[in-house]
Structures are given as C-alpha cells and as structure tokens.
Amino acid sequence: MTEAAELPPAPEVAREVFGDRYGDAVRYAELLAEAGVQRGLIGPREVPRLWERHILNCAVLSEVVPEGVTVCDVGSGAGLPGIPLALVREDLKITLLEPLLRRTNFLTEVVELLGLDHVTVARGRAEEVMGTIPPVHVVTARAVAPLDRLATWGIPLLRPYGEMLALKGDTAEEELKSAASALSKLGAVSTSILHVGEGVVDPLSRVVRVEVGESPGGVRFAAKRAKAARTGRTRRRR
C-alpha cells in the first residue's frame, strides 16, 4: 500500500477565493487527503498538489457560471469540480451526479459535514436519470471522458439554451475539433475555450463551453425526455 504524502498548507490565495468558506475548503482538502485516499477516490501522489491542481483549479470555474442557476456535476467522483464550486457560489443549486456507491457515500458525508444546503447528491448515470431530475441550466464535468462521449451524457440533461462547462487540459482544442460533428448533432449552437483563474492558478484552467439551442441532445433525446416526463407523471398519479 502506498503511503499518502502530507497535505501542504493552503496557499494564501485560497483565502481570497473561498472567503467565509475558507475553513470549509481546508476541511474538504483534509477529507480528500485522508478518507479520499483511503477509499481510492484520490491517488496518494495527488495529495501534495491537491490545492493547485484540484481544488483551486475547480473553484475558478465559478468565474464563468451565471448567477443563481441550477447545475449538475456529471461524474462528480470525489466532488470535483462540484464541491469547490459550491463553496464559492452559494447562489447555485448543485446536483452531484455519480454512479458509484462508495463515491456517493463520500459526497454525502462531505455535503453534510460542510453544511452545503444548496447541494444534492444523486446516484446514477447521466443516461439513467434523464426525466427523474429536472433539466439544469449548466452541466459541469472534469476528467470524466473525451468531449464527444461526455457530451452525449451531459447535454441531454440541459434545459433549452443551457450550457456544458467541461474542465479540460492540454487536449481541449483537439477534443473540441474532433467532437464538432457530434456536438452539432446534439444541438450545440456555439462552442468556445475559456481560460480562467488569472492570479489564482498557473497554468490557467481551460474550460470548454458548449452552448445549446432549443433542443438539447437533439430530436432523439427530446423524445426520450418527453417520454420520461410522462412516465414520471403517471407514477405520481398512482
């Protein structure tokens, strides 16, 4: 068994990013470094760079999320980017969507411990929960899958004219180019690559933004959503 490295102190910039929630951000980092490593959610080699590469890298996503919207963090894993985003932005209503039980257990514990009343944990795959959770304004994701595959899971969860924000690394431009055809079929009307985190992280965080039109996911998913909604209404009447 590989012994986890020691968690370094939070960088001073974290106080500015998290404000009144700074203490909760520190506790979250400790949970990732302890329980997160023990349960296999975070690799032990990631502990020394938890702040710069993971927590702050995700927190700066808040720069491009509109005010007061609903968010679904697809494949949330250990809560990245959903938990840092929630700590920075209490105006958002966030659902952490994750299929694996051990991860949803961890997420539930974190949400309760940190008192994140604006965050809900849901267990399931994106393609399974369509129609059971309301469509959202924004879908977020980080290190889940290549963009073309991620889009098939995330875009159908959006409400009309919503957007998917995917944190990507050096492959952002290449992935966006390769996924162009798939994104168009899924109802994307605009794509762009944003660089966020000036003065907080170096290098800047890359965010692929995919904006959709009136029919997120295209015609096929629109029909699937309608069927799921009808089924849900029938079940509620029984």
C-alpha atoms as a PDB file:
ATOM      1  CA  MET A   1       0.000   0.000   0.000  1.00  0.00           C
ATOM      2  CA  THR A   2       1.371   3.423  -0.969  1.00  0.00           C
ATOM      3  CA  GLU A   3       1.542   5.858   1.917  1.00  0.00           C
ATOM      4  CA  ALA A   4      -0.120   9.178   1.216  1.00  0.00           C
ATOM      5  CA  ALA A   5       2.078  12.243   1.223  1.00  0.00           C
ATOM      6  CA  GLU A   6       1.402  15.059   3.660  1.00  0.00           C
ATOM      7  CA  LEU A   7      -1.137  17.688   2.673  1.00  0.00           C
ATOM      8  CA  PRO A   8       0.613  21.058   2.316  1.00  0.00           C
ATOM      9  CA  PRO A   9      -0.872  24.188   3.925  1.00  0.00           C
ATOM     10  CA  ALA A  10      -3.471  26.035   1.886  1.00  0.00           C
ATOM     11  CA  PRO A  11      -1.946  28.755  -0.293  1.00  0.00           C
ATOM     12  CA  GLU A  12      -2.775  32.291   0.759  1.00  0.00           C
ATOM     13  CA  VAL A  13      -4.814  32.872  -2.394  1.00  0.00           C
ATOM     14  CA  ALA A  14      -7.292  30.254  -1.163  1.00  0.00           C
ATOM     15  CA  ARG A  15      -8.474  32.736   1.492  1.00  0.00           C
ATOM     16  CA  GLU A  16      -9.419  35.181  -1.234  1.00  0.00           C
ATOM     17  CA  VAL A  17     -11.108  32.557  -3.394  1.00  0.00           C
ATOM     18  CA  PHE A  18     -13.211  30.926  -0.674  1.00  0.00           C
ATOM     19  CA  GLY A  19     -13.796  33.897   1.640  1.00  0.00           C
ATOM     20  CA  ASP A  20     -16.023  32.926   4.566  1.00  0.00           C
ATOM     21  CA  ARG A  21     -15.911  29.323   3.383  1.00  0.00           C
ATOM     22  CA  TYR A  22     -12.116  29.108   3.645  1.00  0.00           C
ATOM     23  CA  GLY A  23     -12.284  26.875   6.724  1.00  0.00           C
ATOM     24  CA  ASP A  24     -14.643  24.512   4.927  1.00  0.00           C
ATOM     25  CA  ALA A  25     -12.318  24.409   1.928  1.00  0.00           C
ATOM     26  CA  VAL A  26      -9.447  23.411   4.235  1.00  0.00           C
ATOM     27  CA  ARG A  27     -11.603  20.690   5.785  1.00  0.00           C
ATOM     28  CA  TYR A  28     -12.524  19.411   2.332  1.00  0.00           C
ATOM     29  CA  ALA A  29      -8.848  19.234   1.390  1.00  0.00           C
ATOM     30  CA  GLU A  30      -8.187  17.249   4.561  1.00  0.00           C
ATOM     31  CA  LEU A  31     -11.026  14.860   3.752  1.00  0.00           C
ATOM     32  CA  LEU A  32      -9.650  14.294   0.266  1.00  0.00           C
ATOM     33  CA  ALA A  33      -6.159  13.674   1.645  1.00  0.00           C
ATOM     34  CA  GLU A  34      -7.424  11.268   4.307  1.00  0.00           C
ATOM     35  CA  ALA A  35     -10.703   9.478   3.538  1.00  0.00           C
ATOM     36  CA  GLY A  36     -10.425  10.254  -0.176  1.00  0.00           C
ATOM     37  CA  VAL A  37      -7.096   8.437  -0.437  1.00  0.00           C
ATOM     38  CA  GLN A  38      -8.131   5.604   1.876  1.00  0.00           C
ATOM     39  CA  ARG A  39     -11.248   4.911  -0.216  1.00  0.00           C
ATOM     40  CA  GLY A  40      -9.408   5.119  -3.523  1.00  0.00           C
ATOM     41  CA  LEU A  41     -11.050   8.354  -4.685  1.00  0.00           C
ATOM     42  CA  ILE A  42      -7.793  10.303  -4.873  1.00  0.00           C
ATOM     43  CA  GLY A  43      -4.369   8.877  -5.669  1.00  0.00           C
ATOM     44  CA  PRO A  44      -1.825   9.339  -2.860  1.00  0.00           C
ATOM     45  CA  ARG A  45       0.553  11.096  -5.241  1.00  0.00           C
ATOM     46  CA  GLU A  46      -2.070  13.810  -5.791  1.00  0.00           C
ATOM     47  CA  VAL A  47      -2.069  14.920  -2.142  1.00  0.00           C
ATOM     48  CA  PRO A  48       0.866  17.381  -2.418  1.00  0.00           C
ATOM     49  CA  ARG A  49      -0.884  19.149  -5.310  1.00  0.00           C
ATOM     50  CA  LEU A  50      -4.475  18.960  -4.089  1.00  0.00           C
ATOM     51  CA  TRP A  51      -4.796  22.704  -3.750  1.00  0.00           C
ATOM     52  CA  GLU A  52      -3.310  23.934  -7.017  1.00  0.00           C
ATOM     53  CA  ARG A  53      -4.209  21.088  -9.370  1.00  0.00           C
ATOM     54  CA  HIS A  54      -7.580  20.080  -7.976  1.00  0.00           C
ATOM     55  CA  ILE A  55      -9.364  22.365  -5.514  1.00  0.00           C
ATOM     56  CA  LEU A  56      -8.390  25.811  -6.804  1.00  0.00           C
ATOM     57  CA  ASN A  57      -8.347  24.561 -10.388  1.00  0.00           C
ATOM     58  CA  CYS A  58     -12.028  23.682  -9.948  1.00  0.00           C
ATOM     59  CA  ALA A  59     -13.030  26.665  -7.821  1.00  0.00           C
ATOM     60  CA  VAL A  60     -12.122  29.143 -10.562  1.00  0.00           C
ATOM     61  CA  LEU A  61     -14.810  27.571 -12.759  1.00  0.00           C
ATOM     62  CA  SER A  62     -17.123  29.889 -10.800  1.00  0.00           C
ATOM     63  CA  GLU A  63     -15.880  32.757 -12.972  1.00  0.00           C
ATOM     64  CA  VAL A  64     -17.947  31.539 -15.925  1.00  0.00           C
ATOM     65  CA  VAL A  65     -21.041  30.104 -14.222  1.00  0.00           C
ATOM     66  CA  PRO A  66     -24.039  32.503 -14.366  1.00  0.00           C
ATOM     67  CA  GLU A  67     -25.684  33.710 -11.162  1.00  0.00           C
ATOM     68  CA  GLY A  68     -28.487  31.795  -9.479  1.00  0.00           C
ATOM     69  CA  VAL A  69     -28.649  28.856 -11.879  1.00  0.00           C
ATOM     70  CA  THR A  70     -29.078  25.107 -11.438  1.00  0.00           C
ATOM     71  CA  VAL A  71     -26.014  22.938 -12.007  1.00  0.00           C
ATOM     72  CA  CYS A  72     -25.462  19.207 -12.476  1.00  0.00           C
ATOM     73  CA  ASP A  73     -21.905  17.986 -11.927  1.00  0.00           C
ATOM     74  CA  VAL A  74     -21.705  14.828 -14.046  1.00  0.00           C
ATOM     75  CA  GLY A  75     -19.412  12.052 -12.834  1.00  0.00           C
ATOM     76  CA  SER A  76     -18.633  14.068  -9.725  1.00  0.00           C
ATOM     77  CA  GLY A  77     -16.287  11.447  -8.264  1.00  0.00           C
ATOM     78  CA  ALA A  78     -14.720  12.943  -5.141  1.00  0.00           C
ATOM     79  CA  GLY A  79     -16.642  16.164  -5.714  1.00  0.00           C
ATOM     80  CA  LEU A  80     -14.510  17.871  -8.328  1.00  0.00           C
ATOM     81  CA  PRO A  81     -15.492  20.403  -9.553  1.00  0.00           C
ATOM     82  CA  GLY A  82     -18.860  20.389  -7.741  1.00  0.00           C
ATOM     83  CA  ILE A  83     -17.732  20.833  -4.125  1.00  0.00           C
ATOM     84  CA  PRO A  84     -15.243  23.696  -4.694  1.00  0.00           C
ATOM     85  CA  LEU A  85     -17.833  25.397  -6.907  1.00  0.00           C
ATOM     86  CA  ALA A  86     -20.441  25.035  -4.166  1.00  0.00           C
ATOM     87  CA  LEU A  87     -18.080  26.516  -1.573  1.00  0.00           C
ATOM     88  CA  VAL A  88     -17.502  29.585  -3.718  1.00  0.00           C
ATOM     89  CA  ARG A  89     -21.051  30.012  -5.023  1.00  0.00           C
ATOM     90  CA  GLU A  90     -23.879  29.607  -2.520  1.00  0.00           C
ATOM     91  CA  ASP A  91     -26.273  31.169  -5.046  1.00  0.00           C
ATOM     92  CA  LEU A  92     -26.208  27.980  -7.116  1.00  0.00           C
ATOM     93  CA  LYS A  93     -28.320  24.849  -6.696  1.00  0.00           C
ATOM     94  CA  ILE A  94     -25.962  21.974  -7.451  1.00  0.00           C
ATOM     95  CA  THR A  95     -26.574  18.274  -8.003  1.00  0.00           C
ATOM     96  CA  LEU A  96     -23.554  15.977  -7.703  1.00  0.00           C
ATOM     97  CA  LEU A  97     -24.284  13.059 -10.021  1.00  0.00           C
ATOM     98  CA  GLU A  98     -22.185   9.932  -9.536  1.00  0.00           C
ATOM     99  CA  PRO A  99     -22.958   6.253 -10.272  1.00  0.00           C
ATOM    100  CA  LEU A 100     -20.634   4.535  -7.763  1.00  0.00           C
ATOM    101  CA  LEU A 101     -21.917   3.948  -4.241  1.00  0.00           C
ATOM    102  CA  ARG A 102     -18.602   4.441  -2.436  1.00  0.00           C
ATOM    103  CA  ARG A 103     -18.256   7.829  -4.094  1.00  0.00           C
ATOM    104  CA  THR A 104     -21.815   8.962  -3.379  1.00  0.00           C
ATOM    105  CA  ASN A 105     -21.324   7.908   0.243  1.00  0.00           C
ATOM    106  CA  PHE A 106     -18.244  10.122   0.441  1.00  0.00           C
ATOM    107  CA  LEU A 107     -20.017  13.014  -1.276  1.00  0.00           C
ATOM    108  CA  THR A 108     -22.987  12.767   1.080  1.00  0.00           C
ATOM    109  CA  GLU A 109     -20.670  12.829   4.084  1.00  0.00           C
ATOM    110  CA  VAL A 110     -18.843  15.897   2.753  1.00  0.00           C
ATOM    111  CA  VAL A 111     -22.057  17.770   1.958  1.00  0.00           C
ATOM    112  CA  GLU A 112     -23.453  17.109   5.434  1.00  0.00           C
ATOM    113  CA  LEU A 113     -20.199  17.864   7.251  1.00  0.00           C
ATOM    114  CA  LEU A 114     -19.689  21.170   5.443  1.00  0.00           C
ATOM    115  CA  GLY A 115     -23.345  22.187   5.676  1.00  0.00           C
ATOM    116  CA  LEU A 116     -23.814  22.612   1.939  1.00  0.00           C
ATOM    117  CA  ASP A 117     -27.580  23.004   1.984  1.00  0.00           C
ATOM    118  CA  HIS A 118     -27.653  24.056  -1.667  1.00  0.00           C
ATOM    119  CA  VAL A 119     -26.091  20.764  -2.816  1.00  0.00           C
ATOM    120  CA  THR A 120     -27.821  17.432  -3.515  1.00  0.00           C
ATOM    121  CA  VAL A 121     -26.119  14.100  -4.132  1.00  0.00           C
ATOM    122  CA  ALA A 122     -27.727  11.767  -6.694  1.00  0.00           C
ATOM    123  CA  ARG A 123     -26.571   8.274  -7.548  1.00  0.00           C
ATOM    124  CA  GLY A 124     -26.863   7.152 -11.156  1.00  0.00           C
ATOM    125  CA  ARG A 125     -25.525   7.504 -14.650  1.00  0.00           C
ATOM    126  CA  ALA A 126     -26.449  10.550 -16.674  1.00  0.00           C
ATOM    127  CA  GLU A 127     -28.341   8.493 -19.245  1.00  0.00           C
ATOM    128  CA  GLU A 128     -30.361   6.837 -16.460  1.00  0.00           C
ATOM    129  CA  VAL A 129     -31.506   9.944 -14.584  1.00  0.00           C
ATOM    130  CA  MET A 130     -32.943  11.815 -17.562  1.00  0.00           C
ATOM    131  CA  GLY A 131     -36.522  12.647 -16.675  1.00  0.00           C
ATOM    132  CA  THR A 132     -36.011  11.942 -12.969  1.00  0.00           C
ATOM    133  CA  ILE A 133     -34.096  15.132 -12.244  1.00  0.00           C
ATOM    134  CA  PRO A 134     -35.218  18.462 -13.696  1.00  0.00           C
ATOM    135  CA  PRO A 135     -33.188  19.812 -16.640  1.00  0.00           C
ATOM    136  CA  VAL A 136     -30.497  22.232 -15.483  1.00  0.00           C
ATOM    137  CA  HIS A 137     -29.013  25.483 -16.743  1.00  0.00           C
ATOM    138  CA  VAL A 138     -25.415  24.248 -16.532  1.00  0.00           C
ATOM    139  CA  VAL A 139     -23.700  20.860 -16.666  1.00  0.00           C
ATOM    140  CA  THR A 140     -20.149  20.668 -15.320  1.00  0.00           C
ATOM    141  CA  ALA A 141     -17.575  17.903 -15.625  1.00  0.00           C
ATOM    142  CA  ARG A 142     -13.903  17.228 -15.076  1.00  0.00           C
ATOM    143  CA  ALA A 143     -11.791  14.236 -16.117  1.00  0.00           C
ATOM    144  CA  VAL A 144     -14.868  12.143 -16.938  1.00  0.00           C
ATOM    145  CA  ALA A 145     -14.482  11.212 -20.619  1.00  0.00           C
ATOM    146  CA  PRO A 146     -13.415  12.603 -24.009  1.00  0.00           C
ATOM    147  CA  LEU A 147     -15.588  15.529 -25.039  1.00  0.00           C
ATOM    148  CA  ASP A 148     -17.640  13.712 -27.693  1.00  0.00           C
ATOM    149  CA  ARG A 149     -18.650  10.981 -25.225  1.00  0.00           C
ATOM    150  CA  LEU A 150     -19.131  13.407 -22.345  1.00  0.00           C
ATOM    151  CA  ALA A 151     -21.476  15.478 -24.489  1.00  0.00           C
ATOM    152  CA  THR A 152     -23.799  12.502 -25.087  1.00  0.00           C
ATOM    153  CA  TRP A 153     -24.212  12.204 -21.322  1.00  0.00           C
ATOM    154  CA  GLY A 154     -24.225  15.846 -20.289  1.00  0.00           C
ATOM    155  CA  ILE A 155     -26.036  17.799 -22.992  1.00  0.00           C
ATOM    156  CA  PRO A 156     -29.352  15.892 -22.705  1.00  0.00           C
ATOM    157  CA  LEU A 157     -29.519  16.965 -19.035  1.00  0.00           C
ATOM    158  CA  LEU A 158     -29.622  20.634 -20.034  1.00  0.00           C
ATOM    159  CA  ARG A 159     -32.666  22.821 -20.344  1.00  0.00           C
ATOM    160  CA  PRO A 160     -33.085  24.768 -23.602  1.00  0.00           C
ATOM    161  CA  TYR A 161     -30.324  27.341 -24.139  1.00  0.00           C
ATOM    162  CA  GLY A 162     -28.217  25.886 -21.332  1.00  0.00           C
ATOM    163  CA  GLU A 163     -24.512  25.184 -21.446  1.00  0.00           C
ATOM    164  CA  MET A 164     -21.987  22.477 -20.626  1.00  0.00           C
ATOM    165  CA  LEU A 165     -18.723  23.568 -18.989  1.00  0.00           C
ATOM    166  CA  ALA A 166     -16.012  20.911 -19.114  1.00  0.00           C
ATOM    167  CA  LEU A 167     -12.648  21.412 -17.436  1.00  0.00           C
ATOM    168  CA  LYS A 168     -10.020  20.107 -19.838  1.00  0.00           C
ATOM    169  CA  GLY A 169      -6.237  20.102 -20.052  1.00  0.00           C
ATOM    170  CA  ASP A 170      -3.868  20.439 -22.968  1.00  0.00           C
ATOM    171  CA  THR A 171      -6.154  18.398 -25.224  1.00  0.00           C
ATOM    172  CA  ALA A 172      -9.029  20.912 -25.091  1.00  0.00           C
ATOM    173  CA  GLU A 173      -8.542  22.302 -28.600  1.00  0.00           C
ATOM    174  CA  GLU A 174      -8.014  18.874 -30.154  1.00  0.00           C
ATOM    175  CA  GLU A 175     -11.035  17.370 -28.377  1.00  0.00           C
ATOM    176  CA  LEU A 176     -13.265  20.243 -29.398  1.00  0.00           C
ATOM    177  CA  LYS A 177     -12.237  19.908 -33.029  1.00  0.00           C
ATOM    178  CA  SER A 178     -12.767  16.128 -33.012  1.00  0.00           C
ATOM    179  CA  ALA A 179     -16.163  16.441 -31.335  1.00  0.00           C
ATOM    180  CA  ALA A 180     -17.548  19.148 -33.646  1.00  0.00           C
ATOM    181  CA  SER A 181     -19.833  16.849 -35.619  1.00  0.00           C
ATOM    182  CA  ALA A 182     -21.143  15.034 -32.534  1.00  0.00           C
ATOM    183  CA  LEU A 183     -21.808  18.319 -30.737  1.00  0.00           C
ATOM    184  CA  SER A 184     -23.769  19.664 -33.689  1.00  0.00           C
ATOM    185  CA  LYS A 185     -25.987  16.570 -33.746  1.00  0.00           C
ATOM    186  CA  LEU A 186     -26.609  17.009 -30.013  1.00  0.00           C
ATOM    187  CA  GLY A 187     -27.961  20.520 -30.503  1.00  0.00           C
ATOM    188  CA  ALA A 188     -24.884  22.629 -29.809  1.00  0.00           C
ATOM    189  CA  VAL A 189     -25.077  26.079 -31.350  1.00  0.00           C
ATOM    190  CA  SER A 190     -21.826  27.579 -30.078  1.00  0.00           C
ATOM    191  CA  THR A 191     -18.523  26.328 -28.660  1.00  0.00           C
ATOM    192  CA  SER A 192     -15.511  28.087 -27.172  1.00  0.00           C
ATOM    193  CA  ILE A 193     -12.478  27.544 -24.961  1.00  0.00           C
ATOM    194  CA  LEU A 194     -12.165  29.799 -21.922  1.00  0.00           C
ATOM    195  CA  HIS A 195      -9.140  30.364 -19.713  1.00  0.00           C
ATOM    196  CA  VAL A 196      -9.987  31.122 -16.083  1.00  0.00           C
ATOM    197  CA  GLY A 197      -8.154  31.578 -12.805  1.00  0.00           C
ATOM    198  CA  GLU A 198      -5.930  34.587 -13.534  1.00  0.00           C
ATOM    199  CA  GLY A 199      -3.880  35.253 -10.400  1.00  0.00           C
ATOM    200  CA  VAL A 200      -5.109  32.031  -8.766  1.00  0.00           C
ATOM    201  CA  VAL A 201      -3.760  29.073 -10.750  1.00  0.00           C
ATOM    202  CA  ASP A 202      -0.827  28.668 -13.127  1.00  0.00           C
ATOM    203  CA  PRO A 203      -1.353  27.457 -15.762  1.00  0.00           C
ATOM    204  CA  LEU A 204      -4.855  28.826 -16.140  1.00  0.00           C
ATOM    205  CA  SER A 205      -7.732  26.352 -16.091  1.00  0.00           C
ATOM    206  CA  ARG A 206      -9.104  25.515 -19.537  1.00  0.00           C
ATOM    207  CA  VAL A 207     -12.862  25.289 -19.838  1.00  0.00           C
ATOM    208  CA  VAL A 208     -14.642  24.007 -22.922  1.00  0.00           C
ATOM    209  CA  ARG A 209     -18.015  25.763 -23.149  1.00  0.00           C
ATOM    210  CA  VAL A 210     -20.752  24.174 -25.249  1.00  0.00           C
ATOM    211  CA  GLU A 211     -23.933  26.203 -25.573  1.00  0.00           C
ATOM    212  CA  VAL A 212     -27.103  24.526 -26.803  1.00  0.00           C
ATOM    213  CA  GLY A 213     -30.225  25.745 -28.532  1.00  0.00           C
ATOM    214  CA  GLU A 214     -33.870  24.891 -28.154  1.00  0.00           C
ATOM    215  CA  SER A 215     -33.423  21.084 -28.229  1.00  0.00           C
ATOM    216  CA  PRO A 216     -30.509  19.923 -26.031  1.00  0.00           C
ATOM    217  CA  GLY A 217     -29.451  16.457 -27.139  1.00  0.00           C
ATOM    218  CA  GLY A 218     -31.271  16.703 -30.440  1.00  0.00           C
ATOM    219  CA  VAL A 219     -34.602  15.246 -31.516  1.00  0.00           C
ATOM    220  CA  ARG A 220     -33.940  11.734 -30.193  1.00  0.00           C
ATOM    221  CA  PHE A 221     -33.219  12.934 -26.663  1.00  0.00           C
ATOM    222  CA  ALA A 222     -36.107  15.381 -26.736  1.00  0.00           C
ATOM    223  CA  ALA A 223     -38.451  12.449 -27.358  1.00  0.00           C
ATOM    224  CA  LYS A 224     -36.777  10.452 -24.590  1.00  0.00           C
ATOM    225  CA  ARG A 225     -37.147  13.327 -22.126  1.00  0.00           C
ATOM    226  CA  ALA A 226     -40.811  13.729 -23.008  1.00  0.00           C
ATOM    227  CA  LYS A 227     -41.420  10.005 -22.515  1.00  0.00           C
ATOM    228  CA  ALA A 228     -39.624  10.043 -19.160  1.00  0.00           C
ATOM    229  CA  ALA A 229     -41.647  13.047 -18.034  1.00  0.00           C
ATOM    230  CA  ARG A 230     -44.920  11.327 -18.998  1.00  0.00           C
ATOM    231  CA  THR A 231     -43.865   8.176 -17.151  1.00  0.00           C
ATOM    232  CA  GLY A 232     -42.997  10.229 -14.089  1.00  0.00           C
ATOM    233  CA  ARG A 233     -46.372  11.949 -14.092  1.00  0.00           C
ATOM    234  CA  THR A 234     -48.150   8.600 -14.404  1.00  0.00           C
ATOM    235  CA  ARG A 235     -46.232   7.178 -11.474  1.00  0.00           C
ATOM    236  CA  ARG A 236     -47.007  10.208  -9.316  1.00  0.00           C
ATOM    237  CA  ARG A 237     -50.751   9.865 -10.012  1.00  0.00           C
ATOM    238  CA  ARG A 238     -50.802   6.258  -8.808  1.00  0.00           C
END
